Amino acid sequence: MALYETIAFGLFAFVTIASSLGVVLLRDVWHSALLLGVALLSVAIHYVMLQAEFVATMQILVYVGGVLILITFAVMLTRSEDPNEAREVTT
């Protein structure tokens, strides 16, 4: 049983680190916000693996449910399209 727990921990540790790096390195704000959600959910899974279900629930409700939705709405409301990028002229 400990082998499966170690494999699951390694898998979710990789997901957490990869998505956190994606949050920092990506230029698109929308994709960064989505990867932030993946990182926060992965941290919640780590809490479940540590048998801290209450902390995992609060992680999901507060951070994923509140902060990430707020960031998503802010990105969607403040995003402006460049009219030069919207029109592609083919010759």
PDB file of N, CA and C in Angstrom:
ATOM      1  N   MET A   1       0.815  -1.197   0.000  1.00  0.00           N
ATOM      2  CA  MET A   1       0.000   0.000   0.000  1.00  0.00           C
ATOM      3  C   MET A   1       0.863   1.266   0.000  1.00  0.00           C
ATOM      4  N   ALA A   2       2.002   1.196   0.647  1.00  0.00           N
ATOM      5  CA  ALA A   2       2.866   2.377   0.723  1.00  0.00           C
ATOM      6  C   ALA A   2       3.453   2.721  -0.645  1.00  0.00           C
ATOM      7  N   LEU A   3       3.610   1.706  -1.498  1.00  0.00           N
ATOM      8  CA  LEU A   3       4.138   1.965  -2.833  1.00  0.00           C
ATOM      9  C   LEU A   3       3.162   2.812  -3.639  1.00  0.00           C
ATOM     10  N   TYR A   4       1.865   2.487  -3.552  1.00  0.00           N
ATOM     11  CA  TYR A   4       0.851   3.257  -4.282  1.00  0.00           C
ATOM     12  C   TYR A   4       0.754   4.692  -3.759  1.00  0.00           C
ATOM     13  N   GLU A   5       0.888   4.852  -2.466  1.00  0.00           N
ATOM     14  CA  GLU A   5       0.865   6.201  -1.890  1.00  0.00           C
ATOM     15  C   GLU A   5       2.065   7.013  -2.345  1.00  0.00           C
ATOM     16  N   THR A   6       3.213   6.389  -2.436  1.00  0.00           N
ATOM     17  CA  THR A   6       4.421   7.073  -2.898  1.00  0.00           C
ATOM     18  C   THR A   6       4.299   7.464  -4.366  1.00  0.00           C
ATOM     19  N   ILE A   7       3.739   6.573  -5.170  1.00  0.00           N
ATOM     20  CA  ILE A   7       3.544   6.881  -6.593  1.00  0.00           C
ATOM     21  C   ILE A   7       2.544   8.020  -6.752  1.00  0.00           C
ATOM     22  N   ALA A   8       1.452   7.980  -5.992  1.00  0.00           N
ATOM     23  CA  ALA A   8       0.447   9.043  -6.067  1.00  0.00           C
ATOM     24  C   ALA A   8       1.039  10.374  -5.605  1.00  0.00           C
ATOM     25  N   PHE A   9       1.834  10.339  -4.537  1.00  0.00           N
ATOM     26  CA  PHE A   9       2.471  11.573  -4.065  1.00  0.00           C
ATOM     27  C   PHE A   9       3.406  12.144  -5.125  1.00  0.00           C
ATOM     28  N   GLY A  10       4.216  11.281  -5.743  1.00  0.00           N
ATOM     29  CA  GLY A  10       5.133  11.744  -6.781  1.00  0.00           C
ATOM     30  C   GLY A  10       4.399  12.316  -7.976  1.00  0.00           C
ATOM     31  N   LEU A  11       3.302  11.668  -8.359  1.00  0.00           N
ATOM     32  CA  LEU A  11       2.519  12.156  -9.493  1.00  0.00           C
ATOM     33  C   LEU A  11       1.923  13.533  -9.202  1.00  0.00           C
ATOM     34  N   PHE A  12       1.300  13.683  -8.052  1.00  0.00           N
ATOM     35  CA  PHE A  12       0.694  14.977  -7.740  1.00  0.00           C
ATOM     36  C   PHE A  12       1.725  16.042  -7.398  1.00  0.00           C
ATOM     37  N   ALA A  13       2.893  15.639  -6.904  1.00  0.00           N
ATOM     38  CA  ALA A  13       3.969  16.604  -6.696  1.00  0.00           C
ATOM     39  C   ALA A  13       4.452  17.143  -8.038  1.00  0.00           C
ATOM     40  N   PHE A  14       4.568  16.253  -9.036  1.00  0.00           N
ATOM     41  CA  PHE A  14       4.950  16.689 -10.376  1.00  0.00           C
ATOM     42  C   PHE A  14       3.899  17.623 -10.970  1.00  0.00           C
ATOM     43  N   VAL A  15       2.615  17.279 -10.805  1.00  0.00           N
ATOM     44  CA  VAL A  15       1.538  18.134 -11.319  1.00  0.00           C
ATOM     45  C   VAL A  15       1.581  19.500 -10.656  1.00  0.00           C
ATOM     46  N   THR A  16       1.808  19.527  -9.347  1.00  0.00           N
ATOM     47  CA  THR A  16       1.869  20.802  -8.624  1.00  0.00           C
ATOM     48  C   THR A  16       3.027  21.659  -9.108  1.00  0.00           C
ATOM     49  N   ILE A  17       4.198  21.073  -9.241  1.00  0.00           N
ATOM     50  CA  ILE A  17       5.375  21.843  -9.662  1.00  0.00           C
ATOM     51  C   ILE A  17       5.244  22.293 -11.108  1.00  0.00           C
ATOM     52  N   ALA A  18       4.767  21.408 -11.990  1.00  0.00           N
ATOM     53  CA  ALA A  18       4.641  21.767 -13.404  1.00  0.00           C
ATOM     54  C   ALA A  18       3.608  22.869 -13.612  1.00  0.00           C
ATOM     55  N   SER A  19       2.466  22.768 -12.937  1.00  0.00           N
ATOM     56  CA  SER A  19       1.449  23.809 -13.112  1.00  0.00           C
ATOM     57  C   SER A  19       1.886  25.123 -12.456  1.00  0.00           C
ATOM     58  N   SER A  20       2.619  25.055 -11.368  1.00  0.00           N
ATOM     59  CA  SER A  20       3.126  26.284 -10.752  1.00  0.00           C
ATOM     60  C   SER A  20       4.141  26.975 -11.658  1.00  0.00           C
ATOM     61  N   LEU A  21       4.989  26.200 -12.288  1.00  0.00           N
ATOM     62  CA  LEU A  21       5.918  26.789 -13.256  1.00  0.00           C
ATOM     63  C   LEU A  21       5.169  27.383 -14.446  1.00  0.00           C
ATOM     64  N   GLY A  22       4.106  26.720 -14.864  1.00  0.00           N
ATOM     65  CA  GLY A  22       3.291  27.247 -15.952  1.00  0.00           C
ATOM     66  C   GLY A  22       2.631  28.566 -15.593  1.00  0.00           C
ATOM     67  N   VAL A  23       2.207  28.710 -14.343  1.00  0.00           N
ATOM     68  CA  VAL A  23       1.607  29.974 -13.890  1.00  0.00           C
ATOM     69  C   VAL A  23       2.606  31.108 -14.039  1.00  0.00           C
ATOM     70  N   VAL A  24       3.839  30.846 -13.692  1.00  0.00           N
ATOM     71  CA  VAL A  24       4.851  31.896 -13.715  1.00  0.00           C
ATOM     72  C   VAL A  24       5.379  32.159 -15.123  1.00  0.00           C
ATOM     73  N   LEU A  25       5.516  31.122 -15.931  1.00  0.00           N
ATOM     74  CA  LEU A  25       6.216  31.270 -17.206  1.00  0.00           C
ATOM     75  C   LEU A  25       5.313  31.587 -18.394  1.00  0.00           C
ATOM     76  N   LEU A  26       4.035  31.294 -18.312  1.00  0.00           N
ATOM     77  CA  LEU A  26       3.153  31.562 -19.452  1.00  0.00           C
ATOM     78  C   LEU A  26       2.847  33.045 -19.570  1.00  0.00           C
ATOM     79  N   ARG A  27       2.703  33.506 -20.790  1.00  0.00           N
ATOM     80  CA  ARG A  27       2.400  34.923 -21.020  1.00  0.00           C
ATOM     81  C   ARG A  27       0.904  35.197 -21.030  1.00  0.00           C
ATOM     82  N   ASP A  28       0.104  34.195 -21.400  1.00  0.00           N
ATOM     83  CA  ASP A  28      -1.335  34.380 -21.459  1.00  0.00           C
ATOM     84  C   ASP A  28      -1.920  34.312 -20.047  1.00  0.00           C
ATOM     85  N   VAL A  29      -2.622  35.363 -19.658  1.00  0.00           N
ATOM     86  CA  VAL A  29      -3.150  35.442 -18.298  1.00  0.00           C
ATOM     87  C   VAL A  29      -4.241  34.398 -18.071  1.00  0.00           C
ATOM     88  N   TRP A  30      -5.026  34.134 -19.084  1.00  0.00           N
ATOM     89  CA  TRP A  30      -6.111  33.160 -18.951  1.00  0.00           C
ATOM     90  C   TRP A  30      -5.562  31.761 -18.664  1.00  0.00           C
ATOM     91  N   HIS A  31      -4.537  31.348 -19.401  1.00  0.00           N
ATOM     92  CA  HIS A  31      -3.938  30.034 -19.167  1.00  0.00           C
ATOM     93  C   HIS A  31      -3.217  29.989 -17.816  1.00  0.00           C
ATOM     94  N   SER A  32      -2.637  31.097 -17.413  1.00  0.00           N
ATOM     95  CA  SER A  32      -2.009  31.140 -16.092  1.00  0.00           C
ATOM     96  C   SER A  32      -3.036  30.957 -14.988  1.00  0.00           C
ATOM     97  N   ALA A  33      -4.205  31.566 -15.141  1.00  0.00           N
ATOM     98  CA  ALA A  33      -5.262  31.412 -14.140  1.00  0.00           C
ATOM     99  C   ALA A  33      -5.760  29.968 -14.093  1.00  0.00           C
ATOM    100  N   LEU A  34      -5.886  29.331 -15.245  1.00  0.00           N
ATOM    101  CA  LEU A  34      -6.312  27.932 -15.259  1.00  0.00           C
ATOM    102  C   LEU A  34      -5.265  27.022 -14.611  1.00  0.00           C
ATOM    103  N   LEU A  35      -4.006  27.281 -14.876  1.00  0.00           N
ATOM    104  CA  LEU A  35      -2.956  26.477 -14.250  1.00  0.00           C
ATOM    105  C   LEU A  35      -2.863  26.745 -12.751  1.00  0.00           C
ATOM    106  N   LEU A  36      -3.217  27.957 -12.325  1.00  0.00           N
ATOM    107  CA  LEU A  36      -3.278  28.233 -10.891  1.00  0.00           C
ATOM    108  C   LEU A  36      -4.347  27.374 -10.235  1.00  0.00           C
ATOM    109  N   GLY A  37      -5.472  27.201 -10.919  1.00  0.00           N
ATOM    110  CA  GLY A  37      -6.515  26.316 -10.403  1.00  0.00           C
ATOM    111  C   GLY A  37      -6.045  24.884 -10.296  1.00  0.00           C
ATOM    112  N   VAL A  38      -5.294  24.426 -11.276  1.00  0.00           N
ATOM    113  CA  VAL A  38      -4.747  23.062 -11.231  1.00  0.00           C
ATOM    114  C   VAL A  38      -3.780  22.923 -10.057  1.00  0.00           C
ATOM    115  N   ALA A  39      -2.942  23.919  -9.853  1.00  0.00           N
ATOM    116  CA  ALA A  39      -1.982  23.860  -8.750  1.00  0.00           C
ATOM    117  C   ALA A  39      -2.691  23.855  -7.401  1.00  0.00           C
ATOM    118  N   LEU A  40      -3.728  24.669  -7.256  1.00  0.00           N
ATOM    119  CA  LEU A  40      -4.454  24.720  -5.987  1.00  0.00           C
ATOM    120  C   LEU A  40      -5.217  23.422  -5.731  1.00  0.00           C
ATOM    121  N   LEU A  41      -5.792  22.841  -6.761  1.00  0.00           N
ATOM    122  CA  LEU A  41      -6.465  21.552  -6.587  1.00  0.00           C
ATOM    123  C   LEU A  41      -5.472  20.451  -6.240  1.00  0.00           C
ATOM    124  N   SER A  42      -4.303  20.504  -6.829  1.00  0.00           N
ATOM    125  CA  SER A  42      -3.288  19.503  -6.528  1.00  0.00           C
ATOM    126  C   SER A  42      -2.807  19.624  -5.079  1.00  0.00           C
ATOM    127  N   VAL A  43      -2.705  20.830  -4.589  1.00  0.00           N
ATOM    128  CA  VAL A  43      -2.345  21.021  -3.177  1.00  0.00           C
ATOM    129  C   VAL A  43      -3.443  20.468  -2.279  1.00  0.00           C
ATOM    130  N   ALA A  44      -4.697  20.635  -2.677  1.00  0.00           N
ATOM    131  CA  ALA A  44      -5.804  20.066  -1.904  1.00  0.00           C
ATOM    132  C   ALA A  44      -5.718  18.542  -1.870  1.00  0.00           C
ATOM    133  N   ILE A  45      -5.283  17.937  -2.953  1.00  0.00           N
ATOM    134  CA  ILE A  45      -5.108  16.481  -2.974  1.00  0.00           C
ATOM    135  C   ILE A  45      -3.987  16.059  -2.031  1.00  0.00           C
ATOM    136  N   HIS A  46      -2.947  16.877  -1.934  1.00  0.00           N
ATOM    137  CA  HIS A  46      -1.882  16.588  -0.963  1.00  0.00           C
ATOM    138  C   HIS A  46      -2.434  16.617   0.461  1.00  0.00           C
ATOM    139  N   TYR A  47      -3.329  17.554   0.750  1.00  0.00           N
ATOM    140  CA  TYR A  47      -3.945  17.604   2.081  1.00  0.00           C
ATOM    141  C   TYR A  47      -4.781  16.357   2.347  1.00  0.00           C
ATOM    142  N   VAL A  48      -5.488  15.870   1.337  1.00  0.00           N
ATOM    143  CA  VAL A  48      -6.269  14.642   1.508  1.00  0.00           C
ATOM    144  C   VAL A  48      -5.347  13.466   1.783  1.00  0.00           C
ATOM    145  N   MET A  49      -4.210  13.432   1.107  1.00  0.00           N
ATOM    146  CA  MET A  49      -3.254  12.350   1.339  1.00  0.00           C
ATOM    147  C   MET A  49      -2.663  12.407   2.750  1.00  0.00           C
ATOM    148  N   LEU A  50      -2.632  13.593   3.324  1.00  0.00           N
ATOM    149  CA  LEU A  50      -2.151  13.747   4.702  1.00  0.00           C
ATOM    150  C   LEU A  50      -3.270  13.571   5.724  1.00  0.00           C
ATOM    151  N   GLN A  51      -4.458  13.169   5.258  1.00  0.00           N
ATOM    152  CA  GLN A  51      -5.642  12.955   6.075  1.00  0.00           C
ATOM    153  C   GLN A  51      -6.082  14.224   6.786  1.00  0.00           C
ATOM    154  N   ALA A  52      -5.960  15.349   6.087  1.00  0.00           N
ATOM    155  CA  ALA A  52      -6.441  16.640   6.578  1.00  0.00           C
ATOM    156  C   ALA A  52      -7.582  17.085   5.661  1.00  0.00           C
ATOM    157  N   GLU A  53      -8.708  16.385   5.766  1.00  0.00           N
ATOM    158  CA  GLU A  53      -9.822  16.617   4.850  1.00  0.00           C
ATOM    159  C   GLU A  53     -10.435  17.998   5.019  1.00  0.00           C
ATOM    160  N   PHE A  54     -10.483  18.496   6.253  1.00  0.00           N
ATOM    161  CA  PHE A  54     -11.049  19.818   6.479  1.00  0.00           C
ATOM    162  C   PHE A  54     -10.216  20.901   5.797  1.00  0.00           C
ATOM    163  N   VAL A  55      -8.912  20.798   5.914  1.00  0.00           N
ATOM    164  CA  VAL A  55      -8.031  21.779   5.273  1.00  0.00           C
ATOM    165  C   VAL A  55      -8.153  21.677   3.753  1.00  0.00           C
ATOM    166  N   ALA A  56      -8.295  20.460   3.234  1.00  0.00           N
ATOM    167  CA  ALA A  56      -8.477  20.279   1.791  1.00  0.00           C
ATOM    168  C   ALA A  56      -9.784  20.903   1.329  1.00  0.00           C
ATOM    169  N   THR A  57     -10.843  20.737   2.115  1.00  0.00           N
ATOM    170  CA  THR A  57     -12.136  21.334   1.770  1.00  0.00           C
ATOM    171  C   THR A  57     -12.054  22.851   1.782  1.00  0.00           C
ATOM    172  N   MET A  58     -11.401  23.401   2.769  1.00  0.00           N
ATOM    173  CA  MET A  58     -11.254  24.862   2.829  1.00  0.00           C
ATOM    174  C   MET A  58     -10.367  25.360   1.690  1.00  0.00           C
ATOM    175  N   GLN A  59      -9.371  24.594   1.326  1.00  0.00           N
ATOM    176  CA  GLN A  59      -8.515  24.944   0.182  1.00  0.00           C
ATOM    177  C   GLN A  59      -9.352  25.062  -1.079  1.00  0.00           C
ATOM    178  N   ILE A  60     -10.223  24.093  -1.296  1.00  0.00           N
ATOM    179  CA  ILE A  60     -11.053  24.113  -2.497  1.00  0.00           C
ATOM    180  C   ILE A  60     -12.087  25.227  -2.432  1.00  0.00           C
ATOM    181  N   LEU A  61     -12.762  25.368  -1.304  1.00  0.00           N
ATOM    182  CA  LEU A  61     -13.817  26.377  -1.204  1.00  0.00           C
ATOM    183  C   LEU A  61     -13.280  27.799  -1.267  1.00  0.00           C
ATOM    184  N   VAL A  62     -12.217  28.073  -0.531  1.00  0.00           N
ATOM    185  CA  VAL A  62     -11.720  29.448  -0.445  1.00  0.00           C
ATOM    186  C   VAL A  62     -10.872  29.816  -1.650  1.00  0.00           C
ATOM    187  N   TYR A  63      -9.848  29.021  -1.929  1.00  0.00           N
ATOM    188  CA  TYR A  63      -8.921  29.408  -2.984  1.00  0.00           C
ATOM    189  C   TYR A  63      -9.464  29.117  -4.372  1.00  0.00           C
ATOM    190  N   VAL A  64      -9.854  27.882  -4.622  1.00  0.00           N
ATOM    191  CA  VAL A  64     -10.333  27.535  -5.950  1.00  0.00           C
ATOM    192  C   VAL A  64     -11.695  28.167  -6.199  1.00  0.00           C
ATOM    193  N   GLY A  65     -12.562  28.093  -5.226  1.00  0.00           N
ATOM    194  CA  GLY A  65     -13.909  28.620  -5.410  1.00  0.00           C
ATOM    195  C   GLY A  65     -13.999  30.122  -5.357  1.00  0.00           C
ATOM    196  N   GLY A  66     -13.186  30.758  -4.561  1.00  0.00           N
ATOM    197  CA  GLY A  66     -13.288  32.203  -4.389  1.00  0.00           C
ATOM    198  C   GLY A  66     -12.247  32.992  -5.146  1.00  0.00           C
ATOM    199  N   VAL A  67     -11.016  32.798  -4.804  1.00  0.00           N
ATOM    200  CA  VAL A  67      -9.934  33.596  -5.370  1.00  0.00           C
ATOM    201  C   VAL A  67      -9.784  33.344  -6.864  1.00  0.00           C
ATOM    202  N   LEU A  68      -9.842  32.085  -7.276  1.00  0.00           N
ATOM    203  CA  LEU A  68      -9.653  31.787  -8.691  1.00  0.00           C
ATOM    204  C   LEU A  68     -10.812  32.314  -9.537  1.00  0.00           C
ATOM    205  N   ILE A  69     -12.029  32.241  -9.033  1.00  0.00           N
ATOM    206  CA  ILE A  69     -13.171  32.793  -9.768  1.00  0.00           C
ATOM    207  C   ILE A  69     -13.045  34.305  -9.861  1.00  0.00           C
ATOM    208  N   LEU A  70     -12.592  34.948  -8.805  1.00  0.00           N
ATOM    209  CA  LEU A  70     -12.372  36.392  -8.834  1.00  0.00           C
ATOM    210  C   LEU A  70     -11.316  36.758  -9.868  1.00  0.00           C
ATOM    211  N   ILE A  71     -10.227  36.006  -9.909  1.00  0.00           N
ATOM    212  CA  ILE A  71      -9.182  36.265 -10.904  1.00  0.00           C
ATOM    213  C   ILE A  71      -9.720  36.045 -12.310  1.00  0.00           C
ATOM    214  N   THR A  72     -10.510  34.988 -12.485  1.00  0.00           N
ATOM    215  CA  THR A  72     -11.075  34.697 -13.805  1.00  0.00           C
ATOM    216  C   THR A  72     -11.990  35.818 -14.273  1.00  0.00           C
ATOM    217  N   PHE A  73     -12.862  36.304 -13.406  1.00  0.00           N
ATOM    218  CA  PHE A  73     -13.730  37.418 -13.784  1.00  0.00           C
ATOM    219  C   PHE A  73     -12.925  38.680 -14.076  1.00  0.00           C
ATOM    220  N   ALA A  74     -11.887  38.928 -13.302  1.00  0.00           N
ATOM    221  CA  ALA A  74     -11.056  40.109 -13.542  1.00  0.00           C
ATOM    222  C   ALA A  74     -10.362  40.017 -14.895  1.00  0.00           C
ATOM    223  N   VAL A  75      -9.887  38.832 -15.230  1.00  0.00           N
ATOM    224  CA  VAL A  75      -9.223  38.655 -16.529  1.00  0.00           C
ATOM    225  C   VAL A  75     -10.222  38.852 -17.653  1.00  0.00           C
ATOM    226  N   MET A  76     -11.415  38.271 -17.513  1.00  0.00           N
ATOM    227  CA  MET A  76     -12.400  38.376 -18.585  1.00  0.00           C
ATOM    228  C   MET A  76     -12.913  39.806 -18.737  1.00  0.00           C
ATOM    229  N   LEU A  77     -13.053  40.542 -17.645  1.00  0.00           N
ATOM    230  CA  LEU A  77     -13.604  41.891 -17.731  1.00  0.00           C
ATOM    231  C   LEU A  77     -12.580  42.930 -18.164  1.00  0.00           C
ATOM    232  N   THR A  78     -11.320  42.711 -17.878  1.00  0.00           N
ATOM    233  CA  THR A  78     -10.310  43.708 -18.212  1.00  0.00           C
ATOM    234  C   THR A  78      -9.543  43.383 -19.478  1.00  0.00           C
ATOM    235  N   ARG A  79      -9.818  42.273 -20.077  1.00  0.00           N
ATOM    236  CA  ARG A  79      -9.109  41.885 -21.292  1.00  0.00           C
ATOM    237  C   ARG A  79      -9.588  42.736 -22.455  1.00  0.00           C
ATOM    238  N   SER A  80      -8.655  43.338 -23.140  1.00  0.00           N
ATOM    239  CA  SER A  80      -9.018  44.142 -24.309  1.00  0.00           C
ATOM    240  C   SER A  80      -8.361  43.534 -25.542  1.00  0.00           C
ATOM    241  N   GLU A  81      -9.139  43.461 -26.576  1.00  0.00           N
ATOM    242  CA  GLU A  81      -8.634  42.905 -27.822  1.00  0.00           C
ATOM    243  C   GLU A  81      -7.983  44.014 -28.642  1.00  0.00           C
ATOM    244  N   ASP A  82      -6.826  43.730 -29.176  1.00  0.00           N
ATOM    245  CA  ASP A  82      -6.146  44.671 -30.045  1.00  0.00           C
ATOM    246  C   ASP A  82      -6.781  44.555 -31.430  1.00  0.00           C
ATOM    247  N   PRO A  83      -7.316  45.648 -31.978  1.00  0.00           N
ATOM    248  CA  PRO A  83      -7.981  45.534 -33.272  1.00  0.00           C
ATOM    249  C   PRO A  83      -7.034  45.122 -34.394  1.00  0.00           C
ATOM    250  N   ASN A  84      -5.768  45.402 -34.253  1.00  0.00           N
ATOM    251  CA  ASN A  84      -4.809  45.001 -35.285  1.00  0.00           C
ATOM    252  C   ASN A  84      -4.579  43.495 -35.273  1.00  0.00           C
ATOM    253  N   GLU A  85      -4.659  42.880 -34.078  1.00  0.00           N
ATOM    254  CA  GLU A  85      -4.475  41.442 -33.991  1.00  0.00           C
ATOM    255  C   GLU A  85      -5.723  40.692 -34.433  1.00  0.00           C
ATOM    256  N   ALA A  86      -6.887  41.298 -34.252  1.00  0.00           N
ATOM    257  CA  ALA A  86      -8.131  40.617 -34.590  1.00  0.00           C
ATOM    258  C   ALA A  86      -8.290  40.440 -36.079  1.00  0.00           C
ATOM    259  N   ARG A  87      -7.800  41.383 -36.862  1.00  0.00           N
ATOM    260  CA  ARG A  87      -7.901  41.307 -38.308  1.00  0.00           C
ATOM    261  C   ARG A  87      -6.603  40.745 -38.880  1.00  0.00           C
ATOM    262  N   GLU A  88      -6.733  39.642 -39.557  1.00  0.00           N
ATOM    263  CA  GLU A  88      -5.571  39.087 -40.232  1.00  0.00           C
ATOM    264  C   GLU A  88      -5.763  39.307 -41.727  1.00  0.00           C
ATOM    265  N   VAL A  89      -4.851  40.010 -42.314  1.00  0.00           N
ATOM    266  CA  VAL A  89      -4.926  40.312 -43.733  1.00  0.00           C
ATOM    267  C   VAL A  89      -4.036  39.305 -44.456  1.00  0.00           C
ATOM    268  N   THR A  90      -4.644  38.548 -45.331  1.00  0.00           N
ATOM    269  CA  THR A  90      -3.855  37.592 -46.107  1.00  0.00           C
ATOM    270  C   THR A  90      -3.636  38.166 -47.504  1.00  0.00           C
ATOM    271  N   THR A  91      -2.442  38.018 -47.952  1.00  0.00           N
ATOM    272  CA  THR A  91      -2.114  38.553 -49.297  1.00  0.00           C
ATOM    273  C   THR A  91      -1.818  37.441 -50.250  1.00  0.00           C
TER     274      THR A  91
END
